[in-house]
Amino acid sequence: MIAVACRPEISVVIPCFNEAENVRAICAAVTAQLERHAKSHEIIVIDNCSTDGTRDIVRELCGNDPRIRAIFNNRNYGQMRSPTYGIYQAGGEAVIGMCADFQDPPELIGEFIREWRAGSQVVLGRRRSERTSLPLRIARDLGYAFLRRYGDYPVVPGATGFGLYDRKVVDALAQWNEPEPFFRGMLVESGFRLRLIPFDRPERAAGKTKNDSAALFSFALSGLAGSAKALLRLPIVLAFYSLLIVLLLFAATVAAILLDGPAWPLFGVTLGFAMFSVLLLFLGLIGEQVRMQAERSRNVPLVIEEERINFPADHVARTVHSVAVWQ
């Protein structure tokens, strides 16, 4: 007969990749908040194959405090799969997901827990302000506007997924066969009761961000492909409007020829290239959606573990569909 471990009230999941400068401090700060506000807790650090000594520090932390647990991935699975997998392994009555770089303030943990105890099933921190570059801010605003227009469900601008999720929410989302889970979108799509907590996002405490422009673009593309199925119809709408433009340009070209005006064919070539670029964009989006469907049919795990530390013997690793053994 399998021994049964007590479920902690609160689990905090902290994904890491090369966070040697932050992981010790973030675990200490989170522990201090949990000891003040939670009846019992665990902290799960899931490491995405760091190369800077993060794992050695995490092993030390696990040795000093059995409430700190670790999952070491056998390779880097990206910034969508690894954090979500860590959340699915958590055993708490509620689970908090947050970054290791202090841009998700540990001081909000107490407020998250209070809102959850008051009945909220999902409590999300909503970024009120953040120091960032103008191009990134413009790109982010355009992305949110695009999702608001074409997304399958309302998006929450400024919500990065930092927040608390009830056990029912985690168990429900763990049943979804998402190969690259856009977790912040899944939280909204699931329809559970949502509470937003505004906060001012600070700068990184130490180290360099791992989210370069290529990583952010990949993240946005996966989220867009997975949460905006209406995009499949958008090329038809654009084709209709493009046809109207072509008709107008054709009329203008005829008029210019009759009046010995400028060479409109050159403009037509330019327009042709523009339309070709739009076509490529939407072919890429459709291709991304087809790729995700193919990944779903493979039913591969989000992460393959290399090692885990301090987990109870009766805790069974949760795959995409299975449920962990906690009581």
C-alpha atoms as a PDB file:
ATOM      1  CA  MET A   1       0.000   0.000   0.000  1.00  0.00           C
ATOM      2  CA  ILE A   2       1.324   3.435  -1.002  1.00  0.00           C
ATOM      3  CA  ALA A   3       1.991   5.862   1.833  1.00  0.00           C
ATOM      4  CA  VAL A   4       0.064   9.111   1.577  1.00  0.00           C
ATOM      5  CA  ALA A   5       1.723  12.488   2.063  1.00  0.00           C
ATOM      6  CA  CYS A   6      -0.032  15.557   3.427  1.00  0.00           C
ATOM      7  CA  ARG A   7      -0.851  18.074   0.738  1.00  0.00           C
ATOM      8  CA  PRO A   8       0.706  21.491   1.453  1.00  0.00           C
ATOM      9  CA  GLU A   9      -1.644  24.440   1.428  1.00  0.00           C
ATOM     10  CA  ILE A  10       0.481  26.503  -0.976  1.00  0.00           C
ATOM     11  CA  SER A  11       2.973  25.453  -3.653  1.00  0.00           C
ATOM     12  CA  VAL A  12       5.244  28.023  -5.289  1.00  0.00           C
ATOM     13  CA  VAL A  13       6.807  27.059  -8.613  1.00  0.00           C
ATOM     14  CA  ILE A  14       9.928  28.957  -9.697  1.00  0.00           C
ATOM     15  CA  PRO A  15      11.331  28.137 -13.154  1.00  0.00           C
ATOM     16  CA  CYS A  16      15.041  28.772 -13.587  1.00  0.00           C
ATOM     17  CA  PHE A  17      17.548  28.975 -16.391  1.00  0.00           C
ATOM     18  CA  ASN A  18      20.988  30.302 -15.453  1.00  0.00           C
ATOM     19  CA  GLU A  19      19.720  32.129 -12.339  1.00  0.00           C
ATOM     20  CA  ALA A  20      22.695  31.484 -10.066  1.00  0.00           C
ATOM     21  CA  GLU A  21      22.686  35.145  -9.029  1.00  0.00           C
ATOM     22  CA  ASN A  22      19.015  35.101  -8.005  1.00  0.00           C
ATOM     23  CA  VAL A  23      17.880  31.611  -6.982  1.00  0.00           C
ATOM     24  CA  ARG A  24      19.170  31.690  -3.397  1.00  0.00           C
ATOM     25  CA  ALA A  25      17.672  35.121  -2.715  1.00  0.00           C
ATOM     26  CA  ILE A  26      14.315  34.382  -4.352  1.00  0.00           C
ATOM     27  CA  CYS A  27      13.903  31.149  -2.365  1.00  0.00           C
ATOM     28  CA  ALA A  28      14.689  32.995   0.864  1.00  0.00           C
ATOM     29  CA  ALA A  29      12.250  35.808   0.052  1.00  0.00           C
ATOM     30  CA  VAL A  30       9.467  33.394  -0.959  1.00  0.00           C
ATOM     31  CA  THR A  31      10.039  31.253   2.144  1.00  0.00           C
ATOM     32  CA  ALA A  32       9.725  34.321   4.373  1.00  0.00           C
ATOM     33  CA  GLN A  33       6.403  35.277   2.766  1.00  0.00           C
ATOM     34  CA  LEU A  34       5.016  31.742   2.921  1.00  0.00           C
ATOM     35  CA  GLU A  35       5.944  31.316   6.579  1.00  0.00           C
ATOM     36  CA  ARG A  36       3.927  34.477   7.310  1.00  0.00           C
ATOM     37  CA  HIS A  37       0.868  33.747   5.168  1.00  0.00           C
ATOM     38  CA  ALA A  38       0.556  29.992   4.483  1.00  0.00           C
ATOM     39  CA  LYS A  39      -0.373  27.167   6.853  1.00  0.00           C
ATOM     40  CA  SER A  40       2.056  24.856   5.056  1.00  0.00           C
ATOM     41  CA  HIS A  41       4.008  25.137   1.835  1.00  0.00           C
ATOM     42  CA  GLU A  42       6.467  23.749  -0.672  1.00  0.00           C
ATOM     43  CA  ILE A  43       8.715  25.519  -3.169  1.00  0.00           C
ATOM     44  CA  ILE A  44       9.439  23.754  -6.454  1.00  0.00           C
ATOM     45  CA  VAL A  45      12.429  24.993  -8.451  1.00  0.00           C
ATOM     46  CA  ILE A  46      12.337  23.584 -11.963  1.00  0.00           C
ATOM     47  CA  ASP A  47      15.643  24.086 -13.737  1.00  0.00           C
ATOM     48  CA  ASN A  48      15.730  24.170 -17.528  1.00  0.00           C
ATOM     49  CA  CYS A  49      19.261  22.762 -17.904  1.00  0.00           C
ATOM     50  CA  SER A  50      21.256  25.671 -16.463  1.00  0.00           C
ATOM     51  CA  THR A  51      24.986  25.848 -17.098  1.00  0.00           C
ATOM     52  CA  ASP A  52      26.044  28.530 -14.586  1.00  0.00           C
ATOM     53  CA  GLY A  53      25.966  26.630 -11.293  1.00  0.00           C
ATOM     54  CA  THR A  54      22.276  27.166 -10.563  1.00  0.00           C
ATOM     55  CA  ARG A  55      21.791  23.446  -9.961  1.00  0.00           C
ATOM     56  CA  ASP A  56      24.528  23.272  -7.339  1.00  0.00           C
ATOM     57  CA  ILE A  57      22.896  26.111  -5.408  1.00  0.00           C
ATOM     58  CA  VAL A  58      19.468  24.466  -5.693  1.00  0.00           C
ATOM     59  CA  ARG A  59      20.864  21.163  -4.377  1.00  0.00           C
ATOM     60  CA  GLU A  60      22.289  23.050  -1.405  1.00  0.00           C
ATOM     61  CA  LEU A  61      18.941  24.750  -0.761  1.00  0.00           C
ATOM     62  CA  CYS A  62      17.141  21.406  -0.932  1.00  0.00           C
ATOM     63  CA  GLY A  63      19.606  19.939   1.561  1.00  0.00           C
ATOM     64  CA  ASN A  64      18.968  22.785   4.004  1.00  0.00           C
ATOM     65  CA  ASP A  65      15.162  22.837   3.715  1.00  0.00           C
ATOM     66  CA  PRO A  66      13.094  19.755   2.758  1.00  0.00           C
ATOM     67  CA  ARG A  67      10.213  22.059   1.766  1.00  0.00           C
ATOM     68  CA  ILE A  68      12.298  23.167  -1.204  1.00  0.00           C
ATOM     69  CA  ARG A  69      12.044  20.620  -4.007  1.00  0.00           C
ATOM     70  CA  ALA A  70      13.834  20.493  -7.336  1.00  0.00           C
ATOM     71  CA  ILE A  71      13.192  19.186 -10.830  1.00  0.00           C
ATOM     72  CA  PHE A  72      16.142  19.161 -13.231  1.00  0.00           C
ATOM     73  CA  ASN A  73      15.208  18.859 -16.901  1.00  0.00           C
ATOM     74  CA  ASN A  74      17.457  16.782 -19.135  1.00  0.00           C
ATOM     75  CA  ARG A  75      17.582  19.646 -21.647  1.00  0.00           C
ATOM     76  CA  ASN A  76      16.161  23.134 -22.182  1.00  0.00           C
ATOM     77  CA  TYR A  77      12.471  22.792 -23.076  1.00  0.00           C
ATOM     78  CA  GLY A  78      11.765  26.494 -23.515  1.00  0.00           C
ATOM     79  CA  GLN A  79       9.902  29.100 -21.519  1.00  0.00           C
ATOM     80  CA  MET A  80       6.424  27.672 -22.101  1.00  0.00           C
ATOM     81  CA  ARG A  81       6.785  23.956 -21.456  1.00  0.00           C
ATOM     82  CA  SER A  82       9.103  23.900 -18.448  1.00  0.00           C
ATOM     83  CA  PRO A  83       7.218  26.346 -16.145  1.00  0.00           C
ATOM     84  CA  THR A  84       3.881  24.710 -16.965  1.00  0.00           C
ATOM     85  CA  TYR A  85       5.268  21.251 -16.257  1.00  0.00           C
ATOM     86  CA  GLY A  86       6.491  22.490 -12.881  1.00  0.00           C
ATOM     87  CA  ILE A  87       3.016  23.792 -12.058  1.00  0.00           C
ATOM     88  CA  TYR A  88       1.512  20.406 -12.938  1.00  0.00           C
ATOM     89  CA  GLN A  89       3.909  18.700 -10.490  1.00  0.00           C
ATOM     90  CA  ALA A  90       2.882  20.932  -7.593  1.00  0.00           C
ATOM     91  CA  GLY A  91       0.799  19.337  -4.872  1.00  0.00           C
ATOM     92  CA  GLY A  92      -0.634  22.333  -3.029  1.00  0.00           C
ATOM     93  CA  GLU A  93      -4.273  23.282  -2.529  1.00  0.00           C
ATOM     94  CA  ALA A  94      -3.232  26.351  -4.504  1.00  0.00           C
ATOM     95  CA  VAL A  95      -0.218  26.909  -6.752  1.00  0.00           C
ATOM     96  CA  ILE A  96       1.694  30.152  -7.300  1.00  0.00           C
ATOM     97  CA  GLY A  97       3.820  30.575 -10.415  1.00  0.00           C
ATOM     98  CA  MET A  98       6.517  33.248 -10.469  1.00  0.00           C
ATOM     99  CA  CYS A  99       9.880  34.142 -12.001  1.00  0.00           C
ATOM    100  CA  ALA A 100      13.236  33.869 -10.249  1.00  0.00           C
ATOM    101  CA  ASP A 101      14.478  37.371 -11.102  1.00  0.00           C
ATOM    102  CA  PHE A 102      12.291  39.359  -8.628  1.00  0.00           C
ATOM    103  CA  GLN A 103      10.274  40.974 -11.431  1.00  0.00           C
ATOM    104  CA  ASP A 104       7.363  39.060  -9.886  1.00  0.00           C
ATOM    105  CA  PRO A 105       7.433  40.569  -6.366  1.00  0.00           C
ATOM    106  CA  PRO A 106       7.260  37.968  -3.558  1.00  0.00           C
ATOM    107  CA  GLU A 107       5.482  40.615  -1.443  1.00  0.00           C
ATOM    108  CA  LEU A 108       2.279  39.922  -3.397  1.00  0.00           C
ATOM    109  CA  ILE A 109       2.105  36.313  -2.176  1.00  0.00           C
ATOM    110  CA  GLY A 110       0.135  37.275   0.924  1.00  0.00           C
ATOM    111  CA  GLU A 111      -2.425  39.219  -1.108  1.00  0.00           C
ATOM    112  CA  PHE A 112      -2.790  36.325  -3.560  1.00  0.00           C
ATOM    113  CA  ILE A 113      -3.493  33.935  -0.701  1.00  0.00           C
ATOM    114  CA  ARG A 114      -6.051  36.277   0.889  1.00  0.00           C
ATOM    115  CA  GLU A 115      -7.964  36.636  -2.390  1.00  0.00           C
ATOM    116  CA  TRP A 116      -7.899  32.858  -2.895  1.00  0.00           C
ATOM    117  CA  ARG A 117      -9.221  32.207   0.607  1.00  0.00           C
ATOM    118  CA  ALA A 118     -11.980  34.731  -0.145  1.00  0.00           C
ATOM    119  CA  GLY A 119     -13.149  32.578  -3.063  1.00  0.00           C
ATOM    120  CA  SER A 120     -11.131  33.517  -6.159  1.00  0.00           C
ATOM    121  CA  GLN A 121     -10.031  30.498  -8.207  1.00  0.00           C
ATOM    122  CA  VAL A 122      -7.387  32.398 -10.194  1.00  0.00           C
ATOM    123  CA  VAL A 123      -5.568  35.466  -8.837  1.00  0.00           C
ATOM    124  CA  LEU A 124      -3.260  37.134 -11.360  1.00  0.00           C
ATOM    125  CA  GLY A 125      -0.824  39.978 -10.959  1.00  0.00           C
ATOM    126  CA  ARG A 126      -1.422  42.588 -13.624  1.00  0.00           C
ATOM    127  CA  ARG A 127       1.527  44.712 -14.649  1.00  0.00           C
ATOM    128  CA  ARG A 128       0.643  48.372 -14.097  1.00  0.00           C
ATOM    129  CA  SER A 129       3.986  49.735 -15.221  1.00  0.00           C
ATOM    130  CA  GLU A 130       7.352  48.414 -16.335  1.00  0.00           C
ATOM    131  CA  ARG A 131      10.558  49.996 -17.534  1.00  0.00           C
ATOM    132  CA  THR A 132      11.066  48.680 -21.016  1.00  0.00           C
ATOM    133  CA  SER A 133      12.214  49.872 -24.420  1.00  0.00           C
ATOM    134  CA  LEU A 134       9.833  51.803 -26.663  1.00  0.00           C
ATOM    135  CA  PRO A 135       9.956  49.241 -29.530  1.00  0.00           C
ATOM    136  CA  LEU A 136       9.127  46.387 -27.126  1.00  0.00           C
ATOM    137  CA  ARG A 137       6.274  48.388 -25.586  1.00  0.00           C
ATOM    138  CA  ILE A 138       4.825  49.161 -29.030  1.00  0.00           C
ATOM    139  CA  ALA A 139       5.168  45.529 -30.155  1.00  0.00           C
ATOM    140  CA  ARG A 140       3.502  44.315 -26.947  1.00  0.00           C
ATOM    141  CA  ASP A 141       0.598  46.778 -27.301  1.00  0.00           C
ATOM    142  CA  LEU A 142       0.079  45.792 -30.937  1.00  0.00           C
ATOM    143  CA  GLY A 143       0.141  42.119 -29.963  1.00  0.00           C
ATOM    144  CA  TYR A 144      -2.505  42.605 -27.276  1.00  0.00           C
ATOM    145  CA  ALA A 145      -4.666  44.616 -29.686  1.00  0.00           C
ATOM    146  CA  PHE A 146      -4.353  41.867 -32.283  1.00  0.00           C
ATOM    147  CA  LEU A 147      -5.334  39.191 -29.768  1.00  0.00           C
ATOM    148  CA  ARG A 148      -8.292  41.259 -28.544  1.00  0.00           C
ATOM    149  CA  ARG A 149      -9.563  41.442 -32.097  1.00  0.00           C
ATOM    150  CA  TYR A 150      -8.925  37.878 -33.246  1.00  0.00           C
ATOM    151  CA  GLY A 151      -8.406  35.814 -30.096  1.00  0.00           C
ATOM    152  CA  ASP A 152     -10.747  33.003 -29.078  1.00  0.00           C
ATOM    153  CA  TYR A 153     -11.188  34.540 -25.606  1.00  0.00           C
ATOM    154  CA  PRO A 154     -10.563  37.918 -23.911  1.00  0.00           C
ATOM    155  CA  VAL A 155      -6.915  38.564 -23.179  1.00  0.00           C
ATOM    156  CA  VAL A 156      -5.665  40.280 -20.017  1.00  0.00           C
ATOM    157  CA  PRO A 157      -3.065  42.908 -20.994  1.00  0.00           C
ATOM    158  CA  GLY A 158      -0.216  43.083 -18.523  1.00  0.00           C
ATOM    159  CA  ALA A 159      -0.862  39.648 -16.987  1.00  0.00           C
ATOM    160  CA  THR A 160       2.172  37.407 -17.469  1.00  0.00           C
ATOM    161  CA  GLY A 161       0.885  34.373 -15.576  1.00  0.00           C
ATOM    162  CA  PHE A 162       2.371  35.498 -12.254  1.00  0.00           C
ATOM    163  CA  GLY A 163      -0.324  34.603  -9.780  1.00  0.00           C
ATOM    164  CA  LEU A 164      -2.141  31.911  -7.829  1.00  0.00           C
ATOM    165  CA  TYR A 165      -4.229  29.067  -9.249  1.00  0.00           C
ATOM    166  CA  ASP A 166      -6.610  26.887  -7.261  1.00  0.00           C
ATOM    167  CA  ARG A 167      -6.117  23.117  -7.220  1.00  0.00           C
ATOM    168  CA  LYS A 168      -9.225  22.638  -9.376  1.00  0.00           C
ATOM    169  CA  VAL A 169      -7.762  24.970 -11.995  1.00  0.00           C
ATOM    170  CA  VAL A 170      -4.414  23.156 -12.134  1.00  0.00           C
ATOM    171  CA  ASP A 171      -6.070  19.738 -12.321  1.00  0.00           C
ATOM    172  CA  ALA A 172      -8.388  20.909 -15.106  1.00  0.00           C
ATOM    173  CA  LEU A 173      -5.635  22.455 -17.227  1.00  0.00           C
ATOM    174  CA  ALA A 174      -3.390  19.425 -16.745  1.00  0.00           C
ATOM    175  CA  GLN A 175      -5.917  17.418 -18.752  1.00  0.00           C
ATOM    176  CA  TRP A 176      -5.512  19.654 -21.810  1.00  0.00           C
ATOM    177  CA  ASN A 177      -3.283  18.171 -24.468  1.00  0.00           C
ATOM    178  CA  GLU A 178      -1.257  21.319 -25.149  1.00  0.00           C
ATOM    179  CA  PRO A 179       2.206  20.617 -26.598  1.00  0.00           C
ATOM    180  CA  GLU A 180       3.370  24.208 -25.978  1.00  0.00           C
ATOM    181  CA  PRO A 181       0.977  25.471 -23.322  1.00  0.00           C
ATOM    182  CA  PHE A 182       0.265  29.206 -23.404  1.00  0.00           C
ATOM    183  CA  PHE A 183      -0.581  29.030 -19.718  1.00  0.00           C
ATOM    184  CA  ARG A 184      -1.661  32.633 -19.164  1.00  0.00           C
ATOM    185  CA  GLY A 185      -4.137  32.240 -22.030  1.00  0.00           C
ATOM    186  CA  MET A 186      -5.323  28.853 -20.786  1.00  0.00           C
ATOM    187  CA  LEU A 187      -6.155  30.409 -17.404  1.00  0.00           C
ATOM    188  CA  VAL A 188      -8.529  32.870 -19.077  1.00  0.00           C
ATOM    189  CA  GLU A 189      -9.923  30.360 -21.575  1.00  0.00           C
ATOM    190  CA  SER A 190     -10.818  27.915 -18.791  1.00  0.00           C
ATOM    191  CA  GLY A 191     -13.460  30.308 -17.449  1.00  0.00           C
ATOM    192  CA  PHE A 192     -12.594  30.010 -13.753  1.00  0.00           C
ATOM    193  CA  ARG A 193     -13.260  32.999 -11.465  1.00  0.00           C
ATOM    194  CA  LEU A 194     -10.480  35.515 -11.995  1.00  0.00           C
ATOM    195  CA  ARG A 195      -9.183  38.309  -9.756  1.00  0.00           C
ATOM    196  CA  LEU A 196      -6.582  40.826 -10.942  1.00  0.00           C
ATOM    197  CA  ILE A 197      -4.045  42.483  -8.634  1.00  0.00           C
ATOM    198  CA  PRO A 198      -2.260  45.500 -10.205  1.00  0.00           C
ATOM    199  CA  PHE A 199       1.424  45.998  -9.407  1.00  0.00           C
ATOM    200  CA  ASP A 200       4.436  47.951 -10.638  1.00  0.00           C
ATOM    201  CA  ARG A 201       6.943  45.543 -12.107  1.00  0.00           C
ATOM    202  CA  PRO A 202      10.509  46.180 -10.947  1.00  0.00           C
ATOM    203  CA  GLU A 203      13.687  45.600 -12.916  1.00  0.00           C
ATOM    204  CA  ARG A 204      15.606  42.330 -12.699  1.00  0.00           C
ATOM    205  CA  ALA A 205      17.451  41.941  -9.398  1.00  0.00           C
ATOM    206  CA  ALA A 206      20.576  40.490 -11.046  1.00  0.00           C
ATOM    207  CA  GLY A 207      21.781  38.760 -14.181  1.00  0.00           C
ATOM    208  CA  LYS A 208      20.622  39.198 -17.746  1.00  0.00           C
ATOM    209  CA  THR A 209      17.219  38.423 -19.148  1.00  0.00           C
ATOM    210  CA  LYS A 210      16.967  35.182 -21.135  1.00  0.00           C
ATOM    211  CA  ASN A 211      14.102  36.588 -23.231  1.00  0.00           C
ATOM    212  CA  ASP A 212      15.837  38.071 -26.253  1.00  0.00           C
ATOM    213  CA  SER A 213      13.840  39.277 -29.255  1.00  0.00           C
ATOM    214  CA  ALA A 214      13.926  35.821 -30.885  1.00  0.00           C
ATOM    215  CA  ALA A 215      12.616  34.122 -27.717  1.00  0.00           C
ATOM    216  CA  LEU A 216       9.865  36.720 -27.292  1.00  0.00           C
ATOM    217  CA  PHE A 217       8.845  36.347 -30.930  1.00  0.00           C
ATOM    218  CA  SER A 218       8.684  32.558 -30.586  1.00  0.00           C
ATOM    219  CA  PHE A 219       6.626  32.906 -27.394  1.00  0.00           C
ATOM    220  CA  ALA A 220       4.205  35.342 -29.039  1.00  0.00           C
ATOM    221  CA  LEU A 221       3.883  33.178 -32.135  1.00  0.00           C
ATOM    222  CA  SER A 222       3.042  30.062 -30.133  1.00  0.00           C
ATOM    223  CA  GLY A 223       0.528  31.973 -28.042  1.00  0.00           C
ATOM    224  CA  LEU A 224      -1.073  33.512 -31.104  1.00  0.00           C
ATOM    225  CA  ALA A 225      -1.309  30.224 -32.962  1.00  0.00           C
ATOM    226  CA  GLY A 226      -2.783  28.455 -29.965  1.00  0.00           C
ATOM    227  CA  SER A 227      -5.291  31.103 -28.919  1.00  0.00           C
ATOM    228  CA  ALA A 228      -6.549  32.717 -32.125  1.00  0.00           C
ATOM    229  CA  LYS A 229      -8.144  30.083 -34.333  1.00  0.00           C
ATOM    230  CA  ALA A 230     -10.197  32.811 -36.002  1.00  0.00           C
ATOM    231  CA  LEU A 231      -6.993  33.776 -37.839  1.00  0.00           C
ATOM    232  CA  LEU A 232      -7.737  30.944 -40.253  1.00  0.00           C
ATOM    233  CA  ARG A 233     -10.562  33.106 -41.634  1.00  0.00           C
ATOM    234  CA  LEU A 234      -8.594  36.347 -41.680  1.00  0.00           C
ATOM    235  CA  PRO A 235      -6.782  35.709 -45.003  1.00  0.00           C
ATOM    236  CA  ILE A 236     -10.189  35.488 -46.709  1.00  0.00           C
ATOM    237  CA  VAL A 237     -11.170  38.883 -45.276  1.00  0.00           C
ATOM    238  CA  LEU A 238      -7.845  40.376 -46.335  1.00  0.00           C
ATOM    239  CA  ALA A 239      -8.247  38.861 -49.798  1.00  0.00           C
ATOM    240  CA  PHE A 240     -11.597  40.634 -50.141  1.00  0.00           C
ATOM    241  CA  TYR A 241     -10.158  44.029 -49.187  1.00  0.00           C
ATOM    242  CA  SER A 242      -7.090  43.437 -51.346  1.00  0.00           C
ATOM    243  CA  LEU A 243      -9.365  42.777 -54.287  1.00  0.00           C
ATOM    244  CA  LEU A 244     -11.069  46.127 -53.737  1.00  0.00           C
ATOM    245  CA  ILE A 245      -7.664  47.830 -53.641  1.00  0.00           C
ATOM    246  CA  VAL A 246      -6.604  46.056 -56.810  1.00  0.00           C
ATOM    247  CA  LEU A 247      -9.782  47.235 -58.570  1.00  0.00           C
ATOM    248  CA  LEU A 248      -9.181  50.809 -57.464  1.00  0.00           C
ATOM    249  CA  LEU A 249      -5.543  50.669 -58.543  1.00  0.00           C
ATOM    250  CA  PHE A 250      -6.566  49.191 -61.860  1.00  0.00           C
ATOM    251  CA  ALA A 251      -8.991  52.066 -62.426  1.00  0.00           C
ATOM    252  CA  ALA A 252      -6.316  54.584 -61.441  1.00  0.00           C
ATOM    253  CA  THR A 253      -3.775  52.920 -63.734  1.00  0.00           C
ATOM    254  CA  VAL A 254      -6.204  53.114 -66.674  1.00  0.00           C
ATOM    255  CA  ALA A 255      -6.851  56.764 -65.912  1.00  0.00           C
ATOM    256  CA  ALA A 256      -3.107  57.484 -65.690  1.00  0.00           C
ATOM    257  CA  ILE A 257      -2.485  55.815 -69.033  1.00  0.00           C
ATOM    258  CA  LEU A 258      -5.262  57.820 -70.676  1.00  0.00           C
ATOM    259  CA  LEU A 259      -3.865  61.019 -69.212  1.00  0.00           C
ATOM    260  CA  ASP A 260      -0.198  60.151 -69.895  1.00  0.00           C
ATOM    261  CA  GLY A 261       0.466  60.011 -66.147  1.00  0.00           C
ATOM    262  CA  PRO A 262       3.181  58.228 -64.137  1.00  0.00           C
ATOM    263  CA  ALA A 263       4.140  54.610 -64.602  1.00  0.00           C
ATOM    264  CA  TRP A 264       1.654  52.776 -62.405  1.00  0.00           C
ATOM    265  CA  PRO A 265       2.965  49.311 -63.260  1.00  0.00           C
ATOM    266  CA  LEU A 266       5.895  49.953 -60.904  1.00  0.00           C
ATOM    267  CA  PHE A 267       3.463  50.661 -58.120  1.00  0.00           C
ATOM    268  CA  GLY A 268       1.651  47.472 -59.000  1.00  0.00           C
ATOM    269  CA  VAL A 269       4.853  45.472 -58.588  1.00  0.00           C
ATOM    270  CA  THR A 270       5.350  47.050 -55.160  1.00  0.00           C
ATOM    271  CA  LEU A 271       1.807  46.180 -54.209  1.00  0.00           C
ATOM    272  CA  GLY A 272       2.365  42.650 -55.422  1.00  0.00           C
ATOM    273  CA  PHE A 273       5.348  42.236 -53.140  1.00  0.00           C
ATOM    274  CA  ALA A 274       3.337  43.627 -50.208  1.00  0.00           C
ATOM    275  CA  MET A 275       0.536  41.147 -50.817  1.00  0.00           C
ATOM    276  CA  PHE A 276       3.071  38.341 -51.101  1.00  0.00           C
ATOM    277  CA  SER A 277       4.491  39.304 -47.687  1.00  0.00           C
ATOM    278  CA  VAL A 278       1.049  39.232 -46.112  1.00  0.00           C
ATOM    279  CA  LEU A 279       0.449  35.850 -47.695  1.00  0.00           C
ATOM    280  CA  LEU A 280       3.666  34.500 -46.249  1.00  0.00           C
ATOM    281  CA  LEU A 281       2.751  35.819 -42.795  1.00  0.00           C
ATOM    282  CA  PHE A 282      -0.541  34.004 -42.678  1.00  0.00           C
ATOM    283  CA  LEU A 283       0.845  30.886 -44.244  1.00  0.00           C
ATOM    284  CA  GLY A 284       3.355  30.890 -41.404  1.00  0.00           C
ATOM    285  CA  LEU A 285       0.615  31.240 -38.790  1.00  0.00           C
ATOM    286  CA  ILE A 286      -1.409  28.469 -40.364  1.00  0.00           C
ATOM    287  CA  GLY A 287       1.717  26.346 -40.524  1.00  0.00           C
ATOM    288  CA  GLU A 288       2.294  26.968 -36.800  1.00  0.00           C
ATOM    289  CA  GLN A 289      -1.246  25.820 -36.021  1.00  0.00           C
ATOM    290  CA  VAL A 290      -0.808  22.722 -38.176  1.00  0.00           C
ATOM    291  CA  ARG A 291       2.456  22.012 -36.365  1.00  0.00           C
ATOM    292  CA  MET A 292       0.725  22.241 -33.001  1.00  0.00           C
ATOM    293  CA  GLN A 293      -1.967  19.836 -34.167  1.00  0.00           C
ATOM    294  CA  ALA A 294       0.764  17.435 -35.229  1.00  0.00           C
ATOM    295  CA  GLU A 295       2.416  17.796 -31.791  1.00  0.00           C
ATOM    296  CA  ARG A 296      -0.908  17.002 -30.110  1.00  0.00           C
ATOM    297  CA  SER A 297      -1.175  13.774 -32.073  1.00  0.00           C
ATOM    298  CA  ARG A 298       2.314  12.740 -30.887  1.00  0.00           C
ATOM    299  CA  ASN A 299       1.293  13.081 -27.236  1.00  0.00           C
ATOM    300  CA  VAL A 300       4.871  13.759 -26.101  1.00  0.00           C
ATOM    301  CA  PRO A 301       5.570  14.874 -22.504  1.00  0.00           C
ATOM    302  CA  LEU A 302       6.187  18.545 -21.824  1.00  0.00           C
ATOM    303  CA  VAL A 303       9.488  17.743 -20.113  1.00  0.00           C
ATOM    304  CA  ILE A 304      11.709  14.731 -19.499  1.00  0.00           C
ATOM    305  CA  GLU A 305      13.233  14.858 -16.047  1.00  0.00           C
ATOM    306  CA  GLU A 306      16.854  14.137 -15.337  1.00  0.00           C
ATOM    307  CA  GLU A 307      16.534  14.316 -11.551  1.00  0.00           C
ATOM    308  CA  ARG A 308      14.114  15.379  -8.819  1.00  0.00           C
ATOM    309  CA  ILE A 309      14.915  16.149  -5.196  1.00  0.00           C
ATOM    310  CA  ASN A 310      12.856  16.177  -1.980  1.00  0.00           C
ATOM    311  CA  PHE A 311       9.575  14.993  -3.516  1.00  0.00           C
ATOM    312  CA  PRO A 312       7.548  12.576  -1.343  1.00  0.00           C
ATOM    313  CA  ALA A 313       7.814   8.907  -2.279  1.00  0.00           C
ATOM    314  CA  ASP A 314       4.086   8.746  -3.033  1.00  0.00           C
ATOM    315  CA  HIS A 315       4.167  11.653  -5.466  1.00  0.00           C
ATOM    316  CA  VAL A 316       3.812  10.351  -9.018  1.00  0.00           C
ATOM    317  CA  ALA A 317       5.105  12.639 -11.758  1.00  0.00           C
ATOM    318  CA  ARG A 318       2.173  14.035 -13.685  1.00  0.00           C
ATOM    319  CA  THR A 319       2.322  13.696 -17.445  1.00  0.00           C
ATOM    320  CA  VAL A 320       0.116  15.704 -19.789  1.00  0.00           C
ATOM    321  CA  HIS A 321      -2.956  13.655 -18.872  1.00  0.00           C
ATOM    322  CA  SER A 322      -2.254  11.781 -15.629  1.00  0.00           C
ATOM    323  CA  VAL A 323      -3.015  13.129 -12.164  1.00  0.00           C
ATOM    324  CA  ALA A 324      -0.387  13.200  -9.413  1.00  0.00           C
ATOM    325  CA  VAL A 325      -1.009  11.035  -6.344  1.00  0.00           C
ATOM    326  CA  TRP A 326      -1.640  13.502  -3.513  1.00  0.00           C
ATOM    327  CA  GLN A 327      -4.168  13.321  -0.718  1.00  0.00           C
END
